[in-house]
Amino acid sequence: MKTNIMFYLLIIVCLKTFAQNYPLPPASPNRLFYIQRSNNAHTVIYDANWTKDRKLNVKNPVNVYWIRYDEKVHTQNLSIIEKALAFGVETTPNSNKNDSFDVRVMAFKKRIIKLKLNENGQAIATMFINGLEGQLHKVFVQLEEGNDDFRPSVKYIEIFGKNLVTGAEIYEKFKP
């Protein structure tokens, strides 16, 4: 009886947790990572931008856009302000490696993301996550309650990825 009660409590907790999750963006072979925020389900997508001959576009190696989860799910370009102050990127080619770039997201330029090709020729975003080099998958930004859209205050940031050596999931949570 005690086991059954614990089992049902576990199911309730799991269902509550799943209900709070944000939508998972559709898979894409070009996907580098994505950012979600606590104020709504809209997701900022970061995809590799390829040329016709399957090389990373040197002038614009990262395509950044929204997936908006309104009545109808659709994509939308970032506004000029969103590009300049928050979700846009600055990219710098690495001179010692072809198809390799340093990427900085405008809202948090301190953390460098490396855009490179893995052994299969797939573009991946890597960075140090909790002191380990990992492939970046997603970022979640928890905003303070009562934020306005023009000057949001960040409570904490969570980074999710995969260890490049072991393949294990890695995670970091920090206050900016």
N, C-alpha and C. Protein backbone atom coordinates (compact mmCIF):
# COMPACT_ATOMS: atom_id res chain seq x y z
N MET A 1 0.82 -1.20 0.00
CA MET A 1 0.00 0.00 0.00
C MET A 1 0.86 1.26 0.00
N LYS A 2 1.88 1.25 0.88
CA LYS A 2 2.78 2.40 0.98
C LYS A 2 3.52 2.61 -0.35
N THR A 3 3.90 1.51 -1.01
CA THR A 3 4.57 1.59 -2.31
C THR A 3 3.66 2.19 -3.36
N ASN A 4 2.37 1.79 -3.36
CA ASN A 4 1.41 2.34 -4.31
C ASN A 4 1.23 3.84 -4.13
N ILE A 5 1.16 4.29 -2.89
CA ILE A 5 1.00 5.73 -2.62
C ILE A 5 2.22 6.49 -3.12
N MET A 6 3.41 5.98 -2.86
CA MET A 6 4.64 6.63 -3.32
C MET A 6 4.68 6.67 -4.85
N PHE A 7 4.23 5.58 -5.48
CA PHE A 7 4.22 5.52 -6.94
C PHE A 7 3.29 6.59 -7.51
N TYR A 8 2.09 6.72 -6.94
CA TYR A 8 1.14 7.72 -7.43
C TYR A 8 1.64 9.14 -7.17
N LEU A 9 2.28 9.37 -6.05
CA LEU A 9 2.86 10.69 -5.78
C LEU A 9 3.95 11.02 -6.79
N LEU A 10 4.77 10.03 -7.12
CA LEU A 10 5.81 10.23 -8.11
C LEU A 10 5.22 10.59 -9.48
N ILE A 11 4.16 9.90 -9.86
CA ILE A 11 3.49 10.19 -11.14
C ILE A 11 2.94 11.61 -11.15
N ILE A 12 2.31 12.03 -10.06
CA ILE A 12 1.75 13.40 -9.98
C ILE A 12 2.85 14.43 -10.10
N VAL A 13 3.96 14.23 -9.41
CA VAL A 13 5.09 15.17 -9.49
C VAL A 13 5.63 15.23 -10.90
N CYS A 14 5.79 14.07 -11.54
CA CYS A 14 6.30 14.03 -12.92
C CYS A 14 5.36 14.74 -13.88
N LEU A 15 4.06 14.49 -13.75
CA LEU A 15 3.09 15.14 -14.64
C LEU A 15 3.11 16.65 -14.46
N LYS A 16 3.22 17.10 -13.22
CA LYS A 16 3.29 18.54 -12.96
C LYS A 16 4.55 19.14 -13.59
N THR A 17 5.67 18.44 -13.50
CA THR A 17 6.91 18.90 -14.09
C THR A 17 6.78 18.98 -15.60
N PHE A 18 6.22 17.93 -16.23
CA PHE A 18 6.07 17.94 -17.68
C PHE A 18 5.13 19.04 -18.14
N ALA A 19 4.13 19.36 -17.36
CA ALA A 19 3.17 20.40 -17.74
C ALA A 19 3.84 21.78 -17.77
N GLN A 20 4.92 21.96 -17.00
CA GLN A 20 5.60 23.25 -16.97
C GLN A 20 6.66 23.37 -18.06
N ASN A 21 6.95 22.31 -18.77
CA ASN A 21 7.98 22.35 -19.80
C ASN A 21 7.54 23.23 -20.97
N TYR A 22 8.52 23.76 -21.64
CA TYR A 22 8.29 24.58 -22.81
C TYR A 22 8.31 23.70 -24.05
N PRO A 23 7.71 24.16 -25.15
CA PRO A 23 7.68 23.32 -26.35
C PRO A 23 9.09 23.04 -26.86
N LEU A 24 9.28 21.86 -27.37
CA LEU A 24 10.55 21.48 -27.97
C LEU A 24 10.51 21.91 -29.44
N PRO A 25 11.44 22.76 -29.86
CA PRO A 25 11.41 23.19 -31.28
C PRO A 25 11.59 21.98 -32.20
N PRO A 26 11.01 22.05 -33.39
CA PRO A 26 11.16 20.93 -34.32
C PRO A 26 12.65 20.70 -34.64
N ALA A 27 13.02 19.45 -34.81
CA ALA A 27 14.41 19.11 -35.11
C ALA A 27 14.81 19.65 -36.48
N SER A 28 16.08 19.98 -36.60
CA SER A 28 16.63 20.46 -37.86
C SER A 28 18.09 20.03 -37.96
N PRO A 29 18.54 19.59 -39.13
CA PRO A 29 19.95 19.21 -39.26
C PRO A 29 20.89 20.41 -39.11
N ASN A 30 20.35 21.61 -39.21
CA ASN A 30 21.16 22.83 -39.08
C ASN A 30 21.17 23.40 -37.67
N ARG A 31 20.39 22.83 -36.76
CA ARG A 31 20.23 23.39 -35.42
C ARG A 31 21.52 23.37 -34.64
N LEU A 32 21.89 24.54 -34.11
CA LEU A 32 23.03 24.65 -33.22
C LEU A 32 22.56 24.60 -31.77
N PHE A 33 21.65 25.51 -31.42
CA PHE A 33 21.07 25.55 -30.08
C PHE A 33 19.87 26.48 -30.12
N TYR A 34 19.18 26.59 -28.98
CA TYR A 34 18.05 27.51 -28.89
C TYR A 34 17.98 28.10 -27.49
N ILE A 35 17.28 29.24 -27.39
CA ILE A 35 17.08 29.93 -26.12
C ILE A 35 15.59 30.04 -25.85
N GLN A 36 15.20 29.69 -24.62
CA GLN A 36 13.82 29.89 -24.17
C GLN A 36 13.84 30.73 -22.91
N ARG A 37 12.78 31.51 -22.71
CA ARG A 37 12.68 32.40 -21.56
C ARG A 37 11.40 32.10 -20.79
N SER A 38 11.41 32.48 -19.53
CA SER A 38 10.28 32.14 -18.65
C SER A 38 9.03 32.96 -18.92
N ASN A 39 9.12 34.06 -19.65
CA ASN A 39 7.95 34.92 -19.81
C ASN A 39 6.96 34.44 -20.87
N ASN A 40 7.41 33.56 -21.80
CA ASN A 40 6.49 32.97 -22.76
C ASN A 40 7.18 31.79 -23.45
N ALA A 41 6.46 31.10 -24.30
CA ALA A 41 6.99 29.89 -24.94
C ALA A 41 7.77 30.18 -26.21
N HIS A 42 7.75 31.42 -26.70
CA HIS A 42 8.48 31.75 -27.93
C HIS A 42 9.95 31.38 -27.75
N THR A 43 10.55 30.88 -28.81
CA THR A 43 11.90 30.32 -28.75
C THR A 43 12.79 30.97 -29.79
N VAL A 44 14.00 31.35 -29.39
CA VAL A 44 14.99 31.90 -30.32
C VAL A 44 15.85 30.74 -30.81
N ILE A 45 15.92 30.59 -32.12
CA ILE A 45 16.62 29.48 -32.75
C ILE A 45 17.93 29.98 -33.36
N TYR A 46 18.98 29.17 -33.19
CA TYR A 46 20.29 29.45 -33.77
C TYR A 46 20.65 28.26 -34.65
N ASP A 47 20.64 28.47 -35.96
CA ASP A 47 20.94 27.43 -36.94
C ASP A 47 22.21 27.77 -37.70
N ALA A 48 22.92 26.74 -38.14
CA ALA A 48 24.07 26.95 -39.03
C ALA A 48 23.55 27.44 -40.37
N ASN A 49 24.28 28.39 -40.96
CA ASN A 49 23.90 28.97 -42.25
C ASN A 49 24.93 28.53 -43.29
N TRP A 50 24.52 27.66 -44.20
CA TRP A 50 25.42 27.05 -45.17
C TRP A 50 25.36 27.76 -46.52
N THR A 51 26.47 27.71 -47.26
CA THR A 51 26.48 28.17 -48.64
C THR A 51 26.00 27.01 -49.52
N LYS A 52 25.84 27.28 -50.81
CA LYS A 52 25.37 26.23 -51.73
C LYS A 52 26.37 25.08 -51.84
N ASP A 53 27.66 25.37 -51.66
CA ASP A 53 28.66 24.29 -51.74
C ASP A 53 28.96 23.67 -50.37
N ARG A 54 28.03 23.81 -49.44
CA ARG A 54 28.03 23.16 -48.13
C ARG A 54 29.22 23.57 -47.25
N LYS A 55 29.51 24.87 -47.27
CA LYS A 55 30.47 25.46 -46.34
C LYS A 55 29.70 26.47 -45.50
N LEU A 56 30.17 26.69 -44.27
CA LEU A 56 29.52 27.71 -43.45
C LEU A 56 29.70 29.07 -44.10
N ASN A 57 28.64 29.85 -44.14
CA ASN A 57 28.66 31.18 -44.73
C ASN A 57 29.58 32.08 -43.89
N VAL A 58 30.67 32.52 -44.48
CA VAL A 58 31.69 33.29 -43.74
C VAL A 58 31.12 34.62 -43.24
N LYS A 59 30.26 35.27 -44.02
CA LYS A 59 29.72 36.57 -43.63
C LYS A 59 28.60 36.45 -42.59
N ASN A 60 27.88 35.32 -42.60
CA ASN A 60 26.77 35.13 -41.68
C ASN A 60 26.62 33.64 -41.37
N PRO A 61 27.50 33.09 -40.52
CA PRO A 61 27.48 31.64 -40.29
C PRO A 61 26.33 31.14 -39.41
N VAL A 62 25.64 32.06 -38.73
CA VAL A 62 24.55 31.66 -37.84
C VAL A 62 23.27 32.39 -38.25
N ASN A 63 22.23 31.62 -38.48
CA ASN A 63 20.91 32.17 -38.80
C ASN A 63 20.10 32.18 -37.50
N VAL A 64 19.69 33.37 -37.06
CA VAL A 64 18.96 33.51 -35.79
C VAL A 64 17.54 33.99 -36.10
N TYR A 65 16.54 33.31 -35.51
CA TYR A 65 15.15 33.68 -35.75
C TYR A 65 14.28 33.14 -34.61
N TRP A 66 13.05 33.61 -34.58
CA TRP A 66 12.07 33.16 -33.59
C TRP A 66 11.26 32.00 -34.14
N ILE A 67 10.86 31.10 -33.25
CA ILE A 67 9.68 30.26 -33.48
C ILE A 67 8.66 30.79 -32.49
N ARG A 68 7.56 31.32 -33.03
CA ARG A 68 6.51 31.92 -32.21
C ARG A 68 5.40 30.90 -32.03
N TYR A 69 5.03 30.67 -30.78
CA TYR A 69 3.98 29.71 -30.45
C TYR A 69 2.71 30.48 -30.12
N ASP A 70 2.14 31.11 -31.15
CA ASP A 70 0.87 31.82 -31.02
C ASP A 70 -0.24 30.83 -31.38
N GLU A 71 -1.39 31.36 -31.85
CA GLU A 71 -2.47 30.47 -32.28
C GLU A 71 -1.95 29.50 -33.33
N LYS A 72 -1.10 30.02 -34.21
CA LYS A 72 -0.48 29.20 -35.24
C LYS A 72 1.04 29.31 -35.05
N VAL A 73 1.73 28.19 -34.99
CA VAL A 73 3.19 28.21 -34.83
C VAL A 73 3.81 28.72 -36.13
N HIS A 74 4.70 29.70 -36.01
CA HIS A 74 5.35 30.26 -37.19
C HIS A 74 6.73 30.81 -36.83
N THR A 75 7.54 31.04 -37.86
CA THR A 75 8.85 31.64 -37.66
C THR A 75 8.76 33.13 -37.93
N GLN A 76 9.70 33.86 -37.33
CA GLN A 76 9.72 35.31 -37.50
C GLN A 76 11.15 35.80 -37.30
N ASN A 77 11.56 36.76 -38.11
CA ASN A 77 12.89 37.34 -37.96
C ASN A 77 12.97 38.14 -36.67
N LEU A 78 14.18 38.27 -36.13
CA LEU A 78 14.38 39.15 -34.98
C LEU A 78 14.22 40.60 -35.42
N SER A 79 13.76 41.44 -34.52
CA SER A 79 13.71 42.87 -34.81
C SER A 79 15.12 43.44 -34.73
N ILE A 80 15.30 44.64 -35.21
CA ILE A 80 16.61 45.30 -35.15
C ILE A 80 17.08 45.44 -33.71
N ILE A 81 16.17 45.80 -32.81
CA ILE A 81 16.52 45.95 -31.39
C ILE A 81 16.88 44.60 -30.78
N GLU A 82 16.11 43.55 -31.09
CA GLU A 82 16.43 42.21 -30.57
C GLU A 82 17.79 41.74 -31.05
N LYS A 83 18.13 42.03 -32.32
CA LYS A 83 19.44 41.66 -32.85
C LYS A 83 20.56 42.42 -32.14
N ALA A 84 20.37 43.71 -31.96
CA ALA A 84 21.44 44.56 -31.42
C ALA A 84 21.66 44.39 -29.92
N LEU A 85 20.60 44.17 -29.17
CA LEU A 85 20.72 44.20 -27.72
C LEU A 85 20.56 42.85 -27.02
N ALA A 86 19.98 41.87 -27.68
CA ALA A 86 19.66 40.65 -26.95
C ALA A 86 20.13 39.39 -27.66
N PHE A 87 19.45 38.99 -28.72
CA PHE A 87 19.60 37.65 -29.27
C PHE A 87 20.47 37.56 -30.52
N GLY A 88 20.84 38.71 -31.08
CA GLY A 88 21.72 38.69 -32.24
C GLY A 88 23.09 38.17 -31.85
N VAL A 89 23.91 37.90 -32.87
CA VAL A 89 25.25 37.36 -32.61
C VAL A 89 26.31 38.17 -33.34
N GLU A 90 27.50 38.19 -32.74
CA GLU A 90 28.71 38.65 -33.41
C GLU A 90 29.54 37.42 -33.68
N THR A 91 30.05 37.30 -34.90
CA THR A 91 30.87 36.13 -35.23
C THR A 91 32.23 36.58 -35.74
N THR A 92 33.24 35.82 -35.36
CA THR A 92 34.61 36.09 -35.80
C THR A 92 35.20 34.79 -36.31
N PRO A 93 35.66 34.77 -37.59
CA PRO A 93 36.27 33.52 -38.09
C PRO A 93 37.57 33.23 -37.33
N ASN A 94 37.81 31.95 -37.06
CA ASN A 94 39.08 31.54 -36.48
C ASN A 94 40.08 31.35 -37.61
N SER A 95 41.16 32.08 -37.57
CA SER A 95 42.12 32.07 -38.68
C SER A 95 42.84 30.73 -38.82
N ASN A 96 42.98 30.00 -37.73
CA ASN A 96 43.73 28.75 -37.80
C ASN A 96 42.89 27.54 -38.23
N LYS A 97 41.58 27.70 -38.35
CA LYS A 97 40.72 26.57 -38.72
C LYS A 97 39.67 27.03 -39.72
N ASN A 98 39.50 26.25 -40.79
CA ASN A 98 38.41 26.53 -41.72
C ASN A 98 37.09 26.13 -41.08
N ASP A 99 36.04 26.82 -41.44
CA ASP A 99 34.70 26.52 -40.92
C ASP A 99 34.66 26.48 -39.40
N SER A 100 35.30 27.47 -38.78
CA SER A 100 35.29 27.59 -37.32
C SER A 100 35.17 29.07 -36.97
N PHE A 101 34.27 29.37 -36.03
CA PHE A 101 33.98 30.76 -35.66
C PHE A 101 33.82 30.88 -34.16
N ASP A 102 34.19 32.06 -33.64
CA ASP A 102 33.80 32.43 -32.29
C ASP A 102 32.48 33.17 -32.41
N VAL A 103 31.53 32.82 -31.57
CA VAL A 103 30.19 33.41 -31.60
C VAL A 103 29.90 34.01 -30.24
N ARG A 104 29.38 35.23 -30.24
CA ARG A 104 28.96 35.87 -29.00
C ARG A 104 27.51 36.33 -29.15
N VAL A 105 26.66 35.89 -28.22
CA VAL A 105 25.28 36.36 -28.19
C VAL A 105 25.30 37.74 -27.54
N MET A 106 24.62 38.70 -28.14
CA MET A 106 24.72 40.10 -27.74
C MET A 106 24.40 40.34 -26.26
N ALA A 107 23.42 39.66 -25.72
CA ALA A 107 23.01 39.89 -24.33
C ALA A 107 24.03 39.36 -23.32
N PHE A 108 24.91 38.48 -23.76
CA PHE A 108 25.88 37.92 -22.82
C PHE A 108 27.18 37.60 -23.56
N LYS A 109 27.91 38.66 -23.90
CA LYS A 109 29.13 38.51 -24.69
C LYS A 109 30.29 37.87 -23.95
N LYS A 110 30.18 37.76 -22.62
CA LYS A 110 31.29 37.19 -21.84
C LYS A 110 31.54 35.73 -22.17
N ARG A 111 30.50 35.00 -22.52
CA ARG A 111 30.63 33.56 -22.79
C ARG A 111 30.80 33.35 -24.29
N ILE A 112 31.94 32.80 -24.67
CA ILE A 112 32.23 32.56 -26.09
C ILE A 112 31.71 31.17 -26.47
N ILE A 113 31.01 31.14 -27.58
CA ILE A 113 30.52 29.89 -28.17
C ILE A 113 31.38 29.63 -29.40
N LYS A 114 31.84 28.41 -29.55
CA LYS A 114 32.62 28.03 -30.73
C LYS A 114 31.69 27.32 -31.71
N LEU A 115 31.68 27.81 -32.93
CA LEU A 115 30.95 27.14 -34.01
C LEU A 115 31.98 26.40 -34.83
N LYS A 116 31.82 25.09 -34.96
CA LYS A 116 32.78 24.29 -35.70
C LYS A 116 32.09 23.07 -36.29
N LEU A 117 32.82 22.34 -37.10
CA LEU A 117 32.29 21.12 -37.68
C LEU A 117 32.80 19.94 -36.88
N ASN A 118 31.91 18.98 -36.61
CA ASN A 118 32.35 17.77 -35.92
C ASN A 118 32.94 16.80 -36.94
N GLU A 119 33.32 15.61 -36.50
CA GLU A 119 33.97 14.62 -37.37
C GLU A 119 33.08 14.17 -38.52
N ASN A 120 31.77 14.37 -38.40
CA ASN A 120 30.84 14.00 -39.48
C ASN A 120 30.51 15.16 -40.41
N GLY A 121 31.15 16.31 -40.19
CA GLY A 121 30.89 17.49 -41.02
C GLY A 121 29.65 18.25 -40.62
N GLN A 122 29.06 17.91 -39.47
CA GLN A 122 27.88 18.62 -38.96
C GLN A 122 28.34 19.82 -38.14
N ALA A 123 27.67 20.96 -38.32
CA ALA A 123 27.99 22.15 -37.53
C ALA A 123 27.47 21.97 -36.11
N ILE A 124 28.31 22.29 -35.14
CA ILE A 124 27.91 22.22 -33.73
C ILE A 124 28.38 23.48 -33.02
N ALA A 125 27.69 23.83 -31.96
CA ALA A 125 28.09 24.95 -31.09
C ALA A 125 28.66 24.33 -29.82
N THR A 126 29.86 24.75 -29.45
CA THR A 126 30.47 24.24 -28.22
C THR A 126 30.82 25.41 -27.31
N MET A 127 30.89 25.11 -26.03
CA MET A 127 31.31 26.10 -25.04
C MET A 127 31.65 25.35 -23.75
N PHE A 128 32.24 26.08 -22.82
CA PHE A 128 32.49 25.48 -21.52
C PHE A 128 31.22 25.61 -20.68
N ILE A 129 30.74 24.46 -20.23
CA ILE A 129 29.53 24.38 -19.42
C ILE A 129 29.94 23.75 -18.09
N ASN A 130 29.84 24.52 -17.04
CA ASN A 130 30.24 24.05 -15.71
C ASN A 130 31.67 23.51 -15.72
N GLY A 131 32.55 24.21 -16.47
CA GLY A 131 33.97 23.87 -16.51
C GLY A 131 34.35 22.78 -17.48
N LEU A 132 33.37 22.20 -18.20
CA LEU A 132 33.64 21.12 -19.15
C LEU A 132 33.30 21.58 -20.56
N GLU A 133 34.13 21.19 -21.53
CA GLU A 133 33.80 21.54 -22.91
C GLU A 133 32.65 20.66 -23.38
N GLY A 134 31.61 21.30 -23.86
CA GLY A 134 30.44 20.55 -24.26
C GLY A 134 29.76 21.12 -25.48
N GLN A 135 28.95 20.30 -26.11
CA GLN A 135 28.11 20.75 -27.21
C GLN A 135 26.88 21.40 -26.61
N LEU A 136 26.66 22.65 -26.93
CA LEU A 136 25.53 23.41 -26.41
C LEU A 136 24.25 22.97 -27.10
N HIS A 137 23.20 22.71 -26.31
CA HIS A 137 21.91 22.33 -26.87
C HIS A 137 20.85 23.40 -26.63
N LYS A 138 20.75 23.87 -25.38
CA LYS A 138 19.73 24.88 -25.11
C LYS A 138 20.13 25.74 -23.93
N VAL A 139 19.51 26.93 -23.90
CA VAL A 139 19.69 27.89 -22.82
C VAL A 139 18.30 28.28 -22.35
N PHE A 140 18.12 28.32 -21.03
CA PHE A 140 16.86 28.78 -20.46
C PHE A 140 17.15 29.99 -19.59
N VAL A 141 16.39 31.07 -19.80
CA VAL A 141 16.57 32.31 -19.05
C VAL A 141 15.34 32.53 -18.17
N GLN A 142 15.56 32.51 -16.86
CA GLN A 142 14.49 32.78 -15.89
C GLN A 142 14.50 34.28 -15.61
N LEU A 143 13.40 34.94 -15.96
CA LEU A 143 13.29 36.38 -15.73
C LEU A 143 12.68 36.65 -14.37
N GLU A 144 13.01 37.79 -13.79
CA GLU A 144 12.41 38.21 -12.52
C GLU A 144 10.94 38.50 -12.75
N GLU A 145 10.13 38.28 -11.74
CA GLU A 145 8.71 38.60 -11.82
C GLU A 145 8.53 40.11 -11.99
N GLY A 146 7.50 40.51 -12.71
CA GLY A 146 7.18 41.92 -12.88
C GLY A 146 8.08 42.64 -13.86
N ASN A 147 8.74 41.90 -14.74
CA ASN A 147 9.60 42.51 -15.75
C ASN A 147 8.80 43.27 -16.78
N ASP A 148 9.42 44.28 -17.35
CA ASP A 148 8.82 44.88 -18.54
C ASP A 148 9.61 44.35 -19.74
N ASP A 149 9.01 44.41 -20.92
CA ASP A 149 9.64 43.84 -22.11
C ASP A 149 10.86 44.63 -22.58
N PHE A 150 11.01 45.87 -22.16
CA PHE A 150 12.10 46.69 -22.66
C PHE A 150 13.37 46.58 -21.83
N ARG A 151 13.25 46.28 -20.55
CA ARG A 151 14.42 46.11 -19.68
C ARG A 151 14.22 44.93 -18.76
N PRO A 152 14.26 43.72 -19.32
CA PRO A 152 14.04 42.55 -18.46
C PRO A 152 15.21 42.34 -17.50
N SER A 153 14.90 41.86 -16.33
CA SER A 153 15.90 41.55 -15.33
C SER A 153 16.00 40.03 -15.22
N VAL A 154 17.21 39.51 -15.36
CA VAL A 154 17.42 38.06 -15.36
C VAL A 154 17.68 37.56 -13.95
N LYS A 155 16.92 36.57 -13.54
CA LYS A 155 17.11 35.94 -12.23
C LYS A 155 18.25 34.92 -12.30
N TYR A 156 18.20 34.04 -13.31
CA TYR A 156 19.29 33.09 -13.53
C TYR A 156 19.23 32.57 -14.96
N ILE A 157 20.32 31.92 -15.36
CA ILE A 157 20.44 31.31 -16.68
C ILE A 157 20.84 29.85 -16.49
N GLU A 158 20.20 28.98 -17.26
CA GLU A 158 20.57 27.56 -17.25
C GLU A 158 21.08 27.18 -18.63
N ILE A 159 22.19 26.45 -18.66
CA ILE A 159 22.79 26.00 -19.92
C ILE A 159 22.79 24.47 -19.91
N PHE A 160 22.31 23.88 -21.01
CA PHE A 160 22.22 22.44 -21.14
C PHE A 160 23.05 21.99 -22.35
N GLY A 161 23.81 20.94 -22.17
CA GLY A 161 24.62 20.44 -23.27
C GLY A 161 25.05 19.01 -23.06
N LYS A 162 26.05 18.61 -23.86
CA LYS A 162 26.57 17.25 -23.82
C LYS A 162 28.09 17.31 -23.79
N ASN A 163 28.70 16.59 -22.86
CA ASN A 163 30.15 16.54 -22.74
C ASN A 163 30.74 15.99 -24.03
N LEU A 164 31.72 16.71 -24.59
CA LEU A 164 32.31 16.27 -25.86
C LEU A 164 33.15 15.01 -25.73
N VAL A 165 33.66 14.73 -24.54
CA VAL A 165 34.51 13.55 -24.34
C VAL A 165 33.68 12.32 -23.99
N THR A 166 32.78 12.46 -23.01
CA THR A 166 32.04 11.29 -22.51
C THR A 166 30.66 11.12 -23.13
N GLY A 167 30.11 12.19 -23.68
CA GLY A 167 28.74 12.14 -24.20
C GLY A 167 27.68 12.32 -23.14
N ALA A 168 28.09 12.46 -21.89
CA ALA A 168 27.14 12.64 -20.79
C ALA A 168 26.51 14.03 -20.85
N GLU A 169 25.28 14.12 -20.37
CA GLU A 169 24.60 15.42 -20.28
C GLU A 169 25.33 16.29 -19.26
N ILE A 170 25.49 17.58 -19.57
CA ILE A 170 26.09 18.53 -18.63
C ILE A 170 25.18 19.74 -18.49
N TYR A 171 25.31 20.42 -17.36
CA TYR A 171 24.37 21.46 -16.99
C TYR A 171 25.10 22.52 -16.15
N GLU A 172 24.67 23.77 -16.32
CA GLU A 172 25.18 24.85 -15.48
C GLU A 172 24.06 25.84 -15.23
N LYS A 173 23.99 26.31 -14.00
CA LYS A 173 23.03 27.34 -13.63
C LYS A 173 23.82 28.45 -12.95
N PHE A 174 23.57 29.70 -13.38
CA PHE A 174 24.30 30.81 -12.80
C PHE A 174 23.47 32.09 -12.85
N LYS A 175 23.87 33.05 -12.03
CA LYS A 175 23.27 34.37 -12.04
C LYS A 175 24.21 35.30 -12.80
N PRO A 176 23.69 36.00 -13.79
CA PRO A 176 24.58 36.88 -14.58
C PRO A 176 25.03 38.11 -13.80
